[in-house]
Each structure stands twice: as structure tokens, then as C-alpha cells.
Amino acid sequence: MPWKESSVMEERLRFVARLLDGEGMSDVCREFGISRKTGYKILGRFKDEGVEALSDRSRRPKRLNRCGRRRSSKPS
């Protein structure tokens, strides 16, 4: 029997579908191997933004931390 390939988005959609069918968060998270915190995050994104929110997001910072200080070349 060949391996069944599925994308991250498909897995998240299956996860949300099972929750919407009435299964408990703890049980579904355990079966998918994720924490409840991550499960609630995925479900919240789905409720707020729909199916498009289930795709991977960039991990790049939204802004740089530029505090305006310059490093001194003189030793303290």
C-alpha cells in the first residue's frame, strides 16, 4: 500500500472539519500530534479568515527592531 501524501493545508482542513463535526479538541489534537494551544490557534484562524488562513504563514518578522542606538567602538 503506497503512502498517502497530503499537504499541510489539507491536514489542517481535516483537523478543523473534525472539530466542527463535534469531536473534542483534546482528542483531535492528540491524534494529529499537536498541542491544544496550536489547535485553538488553527481553529481561531479558520473562524476569522476562512480556508485561506489554513495555509502556511511567513515566519519573517513584520518589522525590524530599530531602536536608534549606535554601538560605540570605544571599550567601556
PDB file of N, CA and C in Angstrom:
ATOM      1  N   MET A   1       0.850  -1.178   0.000  1.00  0.00           N
ATOM      2  CA  MET A   1       0.000   0.000   0.000  1.00  0.00           C
ATOM      3  C   MET A   1       0.895   1.240   0.000  1.00  0.00           C
ATOM      4  N   PRO A   2       0.738   2.113  -0.993  1.00  0.00           N
ATOM      5  CA  PRO A   2       1.586   3.311  -1.077  1.00  0.00           C
ATOM      6  C   PRO A   2       1.195   4.344  -0.014  1.00  0.00           C
ATOM      7  N   TRP A   3       2.164   5.197   0.306  1.00  0.00           N
ATOM      8  CA  TRP A   3       1.917   6.274   1.261  1.00  0.00           C
ATOM      9  C   TRP A   3       0.980   7.293   0.651  1.00  0.00           C
ATOM     10  N   LYS A   4       0.104   7.804   1.463  1.00  0.00           N
ATOM     11  CA  LYS A   4      -0.796   8.853   1.001  1.00  0.00           C
ATOM     12  C   LYS A   4      -0.171  10.194   1.342  1.00  0.00           C
ATOM     13  N   GLU A   5       0.047  11.010   0.333  1.00  0.00           N
ATOM     14  CA  GLU A   5       0.630  12.328   0.547  1.00  0.00           C
ATOM     15  C   GLU A   5      -0.480  13.351   0.758  1.00  0.00           C
ATOM     16  N   SER A   6      -0.232  14.273   1.680  1.00  0.00           N
ATOM     17  CA  SER A   6      -1.180  15.361   1.892  1.00  0.00           C
ATOM     18  C   SER A   6      -0.402  16.602   2.307  1.00  0.00           C
ATOM     19  N   SER A   7      -0.931  17.730   1.928  1.00  0.00           N
ATOM     20  CA  SER A   7      -0.271  18.992   2.251  1.00  0.00           C
ATOM     21  C   SER A   7      -0.635  19.422   3.667  1.00  0.00           C
ATOM     22  N   VAL A   8       0.093  20.394   4.159  1.00  0.00           N
ATOM     23  CA  VAL A   8      -0.180  20.938   5.492  1.00  0.00           C
ATOM     24  C   VAL A   8      -1.583  21.536   5.530  1.00  0.00           C
ATOM     25  N   MET A   9      -1.948  22.201   4.460  1.00  0.00           N
ATOM     26  CA  MET A   9      -3.266  22.834   4.416  1.00  0.00           C
ATOM     27  C   MET A   9      -4.378  21.774   4.455  1.00  0.00           C
ATOM     28  N   GLU A  10      -4.186  20.657   3.753  1.00  0.00           N
ATOM     29  CA  GLU A  10      -5.182  19.585   3.781  1.00  0.00           C
ATOM     30  C   GLU A  10      -5.311  18.986   5.171  1.00  0.00           C
ATOM     31  N   GLU A  11      -4.187  18.801   5.853  1.00  0.00           N
ATOM     32  CA  GLU A  11      -4.213  18.264   7.210  1.00  0.00           C
ATOM     33  C   GLU A  11      -4.947  19.210   8.164  1.00  0.00           C
ATOM     34  N   ARG A  12      -4.684  20.501   8.027  1.00  0.00           N
ATOM     35  CA  ARG A  12      -5.352  21.479   8.879  1.00  0.00           C
ATOM     36  C   ARG A  12      -6.846  21.525   8.578  1.00  0.00           C
ATOM     37  N   LEU A  13      -7.210  21.366   7.319  1.00  0.00           N
ATOM     38  CA  LEU A  13      -8.625  21.352   6.950  1.00  0.00           C
ATOM     39  C   LEU A  13      -9.317  20.119   7.535  1.00  0.00           C
ATOM     40  N   ARG A  14      -8.657  18.969   7.498  1.00  0.00           N
ATOM     41  CA  ARG A  14      -9.224  17.762   8.119  1.00  0.00           C
ATOM     42  C   ARG A  14      -9.364  17.952   9.627  1.00  0.00           C
ATOM     43  N   PHE A  15      -8.363  18.615  10.229  1.00  0.00           N
ATOM     44  CA  PHE A  15      -8.391  18.903  11.661  1.00  0.00           C
ATOM     45  C   PHE A  15      -9.612  19.752  12.017  1.00  0.00           C
ATOM     46  N   VAL A  16      -9.808  20.842  11.295  1.00  0.00           N
ATOM     47  CA  VAL A  16     -10.930  21.750  11.559  1.00  0.00           C
ATOM     48  C   VAL A  16     -12.262  21.052  11.294  1.00  0.00           C
ATOM     49  N   ALA A  17     -12.331  20.253  10.245  1.00  0.00           N
ATOM     50  CA  ALA A  17     -13.574  19.558   9.920  1.00  0.00           C
ATOM     51  C   ALA A  17     -13.993  18.620  11.053  1.00  0.00           C
ATOM     52  N   ARG A  18     -13.036  17.937  11.635  1.00  0.00           N
ATOM     53  CA  ARG A  18     -13.369  17.039  12.741  1.00  0.00           C
ATOM     54  C   ARG A  18     -13.851  17.809  13.963  1.00  0.00           C
ATOM     55  N   LEU A  19     -13.265  18.971  14.204  1.00  0.00           N
ATOM     56  CA  LEU A  19     -13.733  19.797  15.318  1.00  0.00           C
ATOM     57  C   LEU A  19     -15.151  20.306  15.067  1.00  0.00           C
ATOM     58  N   LEU A  20     -15.413  20.723  13.842  1.00  0.00           N
ATOM     59  CA  LEU A  20     -16.744  21.226  13.503  1.00  0.00           C
ATOM     60  C   LEU A  20     -17.795  20.121  13.529  1.00  0.00           C
ATOM     61  N   ASP A  21     -17.357  18.868  13.380  1.00  0.00           N
ATOM     62  CA  ASP A  21     -18.278  17.723  13.482  1.00  0.00           C
ATOM     63  C   ASP A  21     -18.607  17.389  14.928  1.00  0.00           C
ATOM     64  N   GLY A  22     -17.944  18.049  15.865  1.00  0.00           N
ATOM     65  CA  GLY A  22     -18.290  17.861  17.269  1.00  0.00           C
ATOM     66  C   GLY A  22     -17.295  17.067  18.091  1.00  0.00           C
ATOM     67  N   GLU A  23     -16.176  16.653  17.493  1.00  0.00           N
ATOM     68  CA  GLU A  23     -15.175  15.925  18.266  1.00  0.00           C
ATOM     69  C   GLU A  23     -14.467  16.883  19.222  1.00  0.00           C
ATOM     70  N   GLY A  24     -13.946  16.350  20.296  1.00  0.00           N
ATOM     71  CA  GLY A  24     -13.293  17.172  21.303  1.00  0.00           C
ATOM     72  C   GLY A  24     -11.901  17.635  20.876  1.00  0.00           C
ATOM     73  N   MET A  25     -11.540  18.823  21.306  1.00  0.00           N
ATOM     74  CA  MET A  25     -10.249  19.405  20.949  1.00  0.00           C
ATOM     75  C   MET A  25      -9.090  18.525  21.416  1.00  0.00           C
ATOM     76  N   SER A  26      -9.141  18.047  22.653  1.00  0.00           N
ATOM     77  CA  SER A  26      -8.036  17.248  23.189  1.00  0.00           C
ATOM     78  C   SER A  26      -7.813  15.982  22.376  1.00  0.00           C
ATOM     79  N   ASP A  27      -8.896  15.283  22.037  1.00  0.00           N
ATOM     80  CA  ASP A  27      -8.786  14.029  21.293  1.00  0.00           C
ATOM     81  C   ASP A  27      -8.220  14.256  19.892  1.00  0.00           C
ATOM     82  N   VAL A  28      -8.728  15.269  19.209  1.00  0.00           N
ATOM     83  CA  VAL A  28      -8.286  15.536  17.840  1.00  0.00           C
ATOM     84  C   VAL A  28      -6.827  15.993  17.842  1.00  0.00           C
ATOM     85  N   CYS A  29      -6.457  16.852  18.778  1.00  0.00           N
ATOM     86  CA  CYS A  29      -5.066  17.314  18.861  1.00  0.00           C
ATOM     87  C   CYS A  29      -4.121  16.144  19.125  1.00  0.00           C
ATOM     88  N   ARG A  30      -4.527  15.247  19.989  1.00  0.00           N
ATOM     89  CA  ARG A  30      -3.699  14.078  20.298  1.00  0.00           C
ATOM     90  C   ARG A  30      -3.474  13.236  19.043  1.00  0.00           C
ATOM     91  N   GLU A  31      -4.525  13.017  18.269  1.00  0.00           N
ATOM     92  CA  GLU A  31      -4.415  12.210  17.050  1.00  0.00           C
ATOM     93  C   GLU A  31      -3.561  12.884  15.981  1.00  0.00           C
ATOM     94  N   PHE A  32      -3.595  14.208  15.915  1.00  0.00           N
ATOM     95  CA  PHE A  32      -2.801  14.925  14.922  1.00  0.00           C
ATOM     96  C   PHE A  32      -1.393  15.240  15.425  1.00  0.00           C
ATOM     97  N   GLY A  33      -1.144  14.991  16.700  1.00  0.00           N
ATOM     98  CA  GLY A  33       0.188  15.201  17.253  1.00  0.00           C
ATOM     99  C   GLY A  33       0.553  16.656  17.457  1.00  0.00           C
ATOM    100  N   ILE A  34      -0.444  17.476  17.813  1.00  0.00           N
ATOM    101  CA  ILE A  34      -0.177  18.891  18.067  1.00  0.00           C
ATOM    102  C   ILE A  34      -0.697  19.248  19.456  1.00  0.00           C
ATOM    103  N   SER A  35      -0.233  20.374  19.980  1.00  0.00           N
ATOM    104  CA  SER A  35      -0.696  20.829  21.284  1.00  0.00           C
ATOM    105  C   SER A  35      -2.086  21.458  21.152  1.00  0.00           C
ATOM    106  N   ARG A  36      -2.796  21.530  22.269  1.00  0.00           N
ATOM    107  CA  ARG A  36      -4.112  22.181  22.246  1.00  0.00           C
ATOM    108  C   ARG A  36      -3.969  23.659  21.909  1.00  0.00           C
ATOM    109  N   LYS A  37      -2.885  24.276  22.355  1.00  0.00           N
ATOM    110  CA  LYS A  37      -2.656  25.690  22.039  1.00  0.00           C
ATOM    111  C   LYS A  37      -2.598  25.893  20.525  1.00  0.00           C
ATOM    112  N   THR A  38      -1.869  25.014  19.833  1.00  0.00           N
ATOM    113  CA  THR A  38      -1.787  25.089  18.378  1.00  0.00           C
ATOM    114  C   THR A  38      -3.145  24.790  17.749  1.00  0.00           C
ATOM    115  N   GLY A  39      -3.863  23.837  18.308  1.00  0.00           N
ATOM    116  CA  GLY A  39      -5.194  23.503  17.800  1.00  0.00           C
ATOM    117  C   GLY A  39      -6.148  24.675  17.873  1.00  0.00           C
ATOM    118  N   TYR A  40      -6.155  25.361  19.013  1.00  0.00           N
ATOM    119  CA  TYR A  40      -7.021  26.535  19.153  1.00  0.00           C
ATOM    120  C   TYR A  40      -6.581  27.664  18.218  1.00  0.00           C
ATOM    121  N   LYS A  41      -5.274  27.779  17.980  1.00  0.00           N
ATOM    122  CA  LYS A  41      -4.774  28.805  17.062  1.00  0.00           C
ATOM    123  C   LYS A  41      -5.270  28.521  15.639  1.00  0.00           C
ATOM    124  N   ILE A  42      -5.175  27.272  15.199  1.00  0.00           N
ATOM    125  CA  ILE A  42      -5.639  26.901  13.863  1.00  0.00           C
ATOM    126  C   ILE A  42      -7.140  27.124  13.738  1.00  0.00           C
ATOM    127  N   LEU A  43      -7.898  26.694  14.734  1.00  0.00           N
ATOM    128  CA  LEU A  43      -9.353  26.862  14.697  1.00  0.00           C
ATOM    129  C   LEU A  43      -9.741  28.347  14.684  1.00  0.00           C
ATOM    130  N   GLY A  44      -9.059  29.146  15.485  1.00  0.00           N
ATOM    131  CA  GLY A  44      -9.345  30.584  15.519  1.00  0.00           C
ATOM    132  C   GLY A  44      -9.075  31.271  14.192  1.00  0.00           C
ATOM    133  N   ARG A  45      -7.955  30.902  13.572  1.00  0.00           N
ATOM    134  CA  ARG A  45      -7.644  31.485  12.263  1.00  0.00           C
ATOM    135  C   ARG A  45      -8.705  31.098  11.236  1.00  0.00           C
ATOM    136  N   PHE A  46      -9.145  29.845  11.297  1.00  0.00           N
ATOM    137  CA  PHE A  46     -10.173  29.393  10.359  1.00  0.00           C
ATOM    138  C   PHE A  46     -11.465  30.172  10.558  1.00  0.00           C
ATOM    139  N   LYS A  47     -11.874  30.360  11.803  1.00  0.00           N
ATOM    140  CA  LYS A  47     -13.121  31.085  12.078  1.00  0.00           C
ATOM    141  C   LYS A  47     -13.026  32.544  11.662  1.00  0.00           C
ATOM    142  N   ASP A  48     -11.843  33.152  11.833  1.00  0.00           N
ATOM    143  CA  ASP A  48     -11.669  34.564  11.490  1.00  0.00           C
ATOM    144  C   ASP A  48     -11.518  34.810   9.991  1.00  0.00           C
ATOM    145  N   GLU A  49     -10.743  33.933   9.307  1.00  0.00           N
ATOM    146  CA  GLU A  49     -10.354  34.235   7.931  1.00  0.00           C
ATOM    147  C   GLU A  49     -10.763  33.190   6.905  1.00  0.00           C
ATOM    148  N   GLY A  50     -11.304  32.067   7.326  1.00  0.00           N
ATOM    149  CA  GLY A  50     -11.738  31.049   6.374  1.00  0.00           C
ATOM    150  C   GLY A  50     -10.617  30.087   5.981  1.00  0.00           C
ATOM    151  N   VAL A  51     -10.841  29.375   4.887  1.00  0.00           N
ATOM    152  CA  VAL A  51      -9.933  28.319   4.447  1.00  0.00           C
ATOM    153  C   VAL A  51      -8.538  28.857   4.101  1.00  0.00           C
ATOM    154  N   GLU A  52      -8.466  30.061   3.570  1.00  0.00           N
ATOM    155  CA  GLU A  52      -7.173  30.628   3.180  1.00  0.00           C
ATOM    156  C   GLU A  52      -6.233  30.776   4.374  1.00  0.00           C
ATOM    157  N   ALA A  53      -6.784  30.897   5.564  1.00  0.00           N
ATOM    158  CA  ALA A  53      -5.959  31.075   6.766  1.00  0.00           C
ATOM    159  C   ALA A  53      -5.247  29.794   7.173  1.00  0.00           C
ATOM    160  N   LEU A  54      -5.612  28.662   6.573  1.00  0.00           N
ATOM    161  CA  LEU A  54      -5.000  27.395   6.939  1.00  0.00           C
ATOM    162  C   LEU A  54      -3.674  27.147   6.223  1.00  0.00           C
ATOM    163  N   SER A  55      -3.320  27.984   5.253  1.00  0.00           N
ATOM    164  CA  SER A  55      -2.044  27.819   4.567  1.00  0.00           C
ATOM    165  C   SER A  55      -0.906  28.306   5.461  1.00  0.00           C
ATOM    166  N   ASP A  56       0.310  27.907   5.128  1.00  0.00           N
ATOM    167  CA  ASP A  56       1.463  28.322   5.913  1.00  0.00           C
ATOM    168  C   ASP A  56       1.643  29.829   5.845  1.00  0.00           C
ATOM    169  N   ARG A  57       2.095  30.386   6.942  1.00  0.00           N
ATOM    170  CA  ARG A  57       2.359  31.816   7.000  1.00  0.00           C
ATOM    171  C   ARG A  57       3.859  32.066   7.067  1.00  0.00           C
ATOM    172  N   SER A  58       4.243  33.242   6.673  1.00  0.00           N
ATOM    173  CA  SER A  58       5.647  33.613   6.742  1.00  0.00           C
ATOM    174  C   SER A  58       6.088  33.742   8.194  1.00  0.00           C
ATOM    175  N   ARG A  59       7.299  33.307   8.472  1.00  0.00           N
ATOM    176  CA  ARG A  59       7.842  33.447   9.821  1.00  0.00           C
ATOM    177  C   ARG A  59       8.724  34.683   9.943  1.00  0.00           C
ATOM    178  N   ARG A  60       8.786  35.437   8.870  1.00  0.00           N
ATOM    179  CA  ARG A  60       9.586  36.646   8.843  1.00  0.00           C
ATOM    180  C   ARG A  60       8.970  37.695   9.760  1.00  0.00           C
ATOM    181  N   PRO A  61       9.791  38.405  10.520  1.00  0.00           N
ATOM    182  CA  PRO A  61       9.249  39.462  11.389  1.00  0.00           C
ATOM    183  C   PRO A  61       8.522  40.526  10.565  1.00  0.00           C
ATOM    184  N   LYS A  62       7.451  41.049  11.111  1.00  0.00           N
ATOM    185  CA  LYS A  62       6.689  42.077  10.402  1.00  0.00           C
ATOM    186  C   LYS A  62       7.409  43.413  10.372  1.00  0.00           C
ATOM    187  N   ARG A  63       8.262  43.629  11.364  1.00  0.00           N
ATOM    188  CA  ARG A  63       9.050  44.854  11.388  1.00  0.00           C
ATOM    189  C   ARG A  63      10.368  44.581  12.093  1.00  0.00           C
ATOM    190  N   LEU A  64      11.324  45.419  11.812  1.00  0.00           N
ATOM    191  CA  LEU A  64      12.631  45.278  12.427  1.00  0.00           C
ATOM    192  C   LEU A  64      12.691  46.073  13.723  1.00  0.00           C
ATOM    193  N   ASN A  65      13.469  45.618  14.647  1.00  0.00           N
ATOM    194  CA  ASN A  65      13.647  46.324  15.902  1.00  0.00           C
ATOM    195  C   ASN A  65      14.786  47.327  15.737  1.00  0.00           C
ATOM    196  N   ARG A  66      14.434  48.518  15.418  1.00  0.00           N
ATOM    197  CA  ARG A  66      15.441  49.579  15.238  1.00  0.00           C
ATOM    198  C   ARG A  66      15.260  50.594  16.351  1.00  0.00           C
ATOM    199  N   CYS A  67      16.088  50.496  17.338  1.00  0.00           N
ATOM    200  CA  CYS A  67      15.911  51.369  18.495  1.00  0.00           C
ATOM    201  C   CYS A  67      16.651  52.702  18.343  1.00  0.00           C
ATOM    202  N   GLY A  68      17.461  52.866  17.314  1.00  0.00           N
ATOM    203  CA  GLY A  68      18.119  54.146  17.081  1.00  0.00           C
ATOM    204  C   GLY A  68      19.440  54.309  17.788  1.00  0.00           C
ATOM    205  N   ARG A  69      19.826  53.383  18.606  1.00  0.00           N
ATOM    206  CA  ARG A  69      21.113  53.477  19.296  1.00  0.00           C
ATOM    207  C   ARG A  69      22.228  52.968  18.401  1.00  0.00           C
ATOM    208  N   ARG A  70      23.349  53.580  18.528  1.00  0.00           N
ATOM    209  CA  ARG A  70      24.526  53.117  17.792  1.00  0.00           C
ATOM    210  C   ARG A  70      25.515  52.539  18.768  1.00  0.00           C
ATOM    211  N   ARG A  71      26.141  51.506  18.359  1.00  0.00           N
ATOM    212  CA  ARG A  71      27.139  50.894  19.206  1.00  0.00           C
ATOM    213  C   ARG A  71      28.418  51.741  19.186  1.00  0.00           C
ATOM    214  N   SER A  72      28.968  51.889  20.338  1.00  0.00           N
ATOM    215  CA  SER A  72      30.197  52.650  20.463  1.00  0.00           C
ATOM    216  C   SER A  72      31.384  51.743  20.156  1.00  0.00           C
ATOM    217  N   SER A  73      32.342  52.254  19.415  1.00  0.00           N
ATOM    218  CA  SER A  73      33.527  51.459  19.108  1.00  0.00           C
ATOM    219  C   SER A  73      34.548  51.527  20.248  1.00  0.00           C
ATOM    220  N   LYS A  74      34.306  52.427  21.209  1.00  0.00           N
ATOM    221  CA  LYS A  74      35.214  52.563  22.347  1.00  0.00           C
ATOM    222  C   LYS A  74      34.867  51.527  23.420  1.00  0.00           C
ATOM    223  N   PRO A  75      35.869  50.819  23.959  1.00  0.00           N
ATOM    224  CA  PRO A  75      35.576  49.889  25.028  1.00  0.00           C
ATOM    225  C   PRO A  75      35.177  50.624  26.296  1.00  0.00           C
ATOM    226  N   SER A  76      34.261  50.064  27.045  1.00  0.00           N
ATOM    227  CA  SER A  76      33.771  50.716  28.277  1.00  0.00           C
ATOM    228  C   SER A  76      34.666  50.439  29.437  1.00  0.00           C
TER     229      SER A  76
END
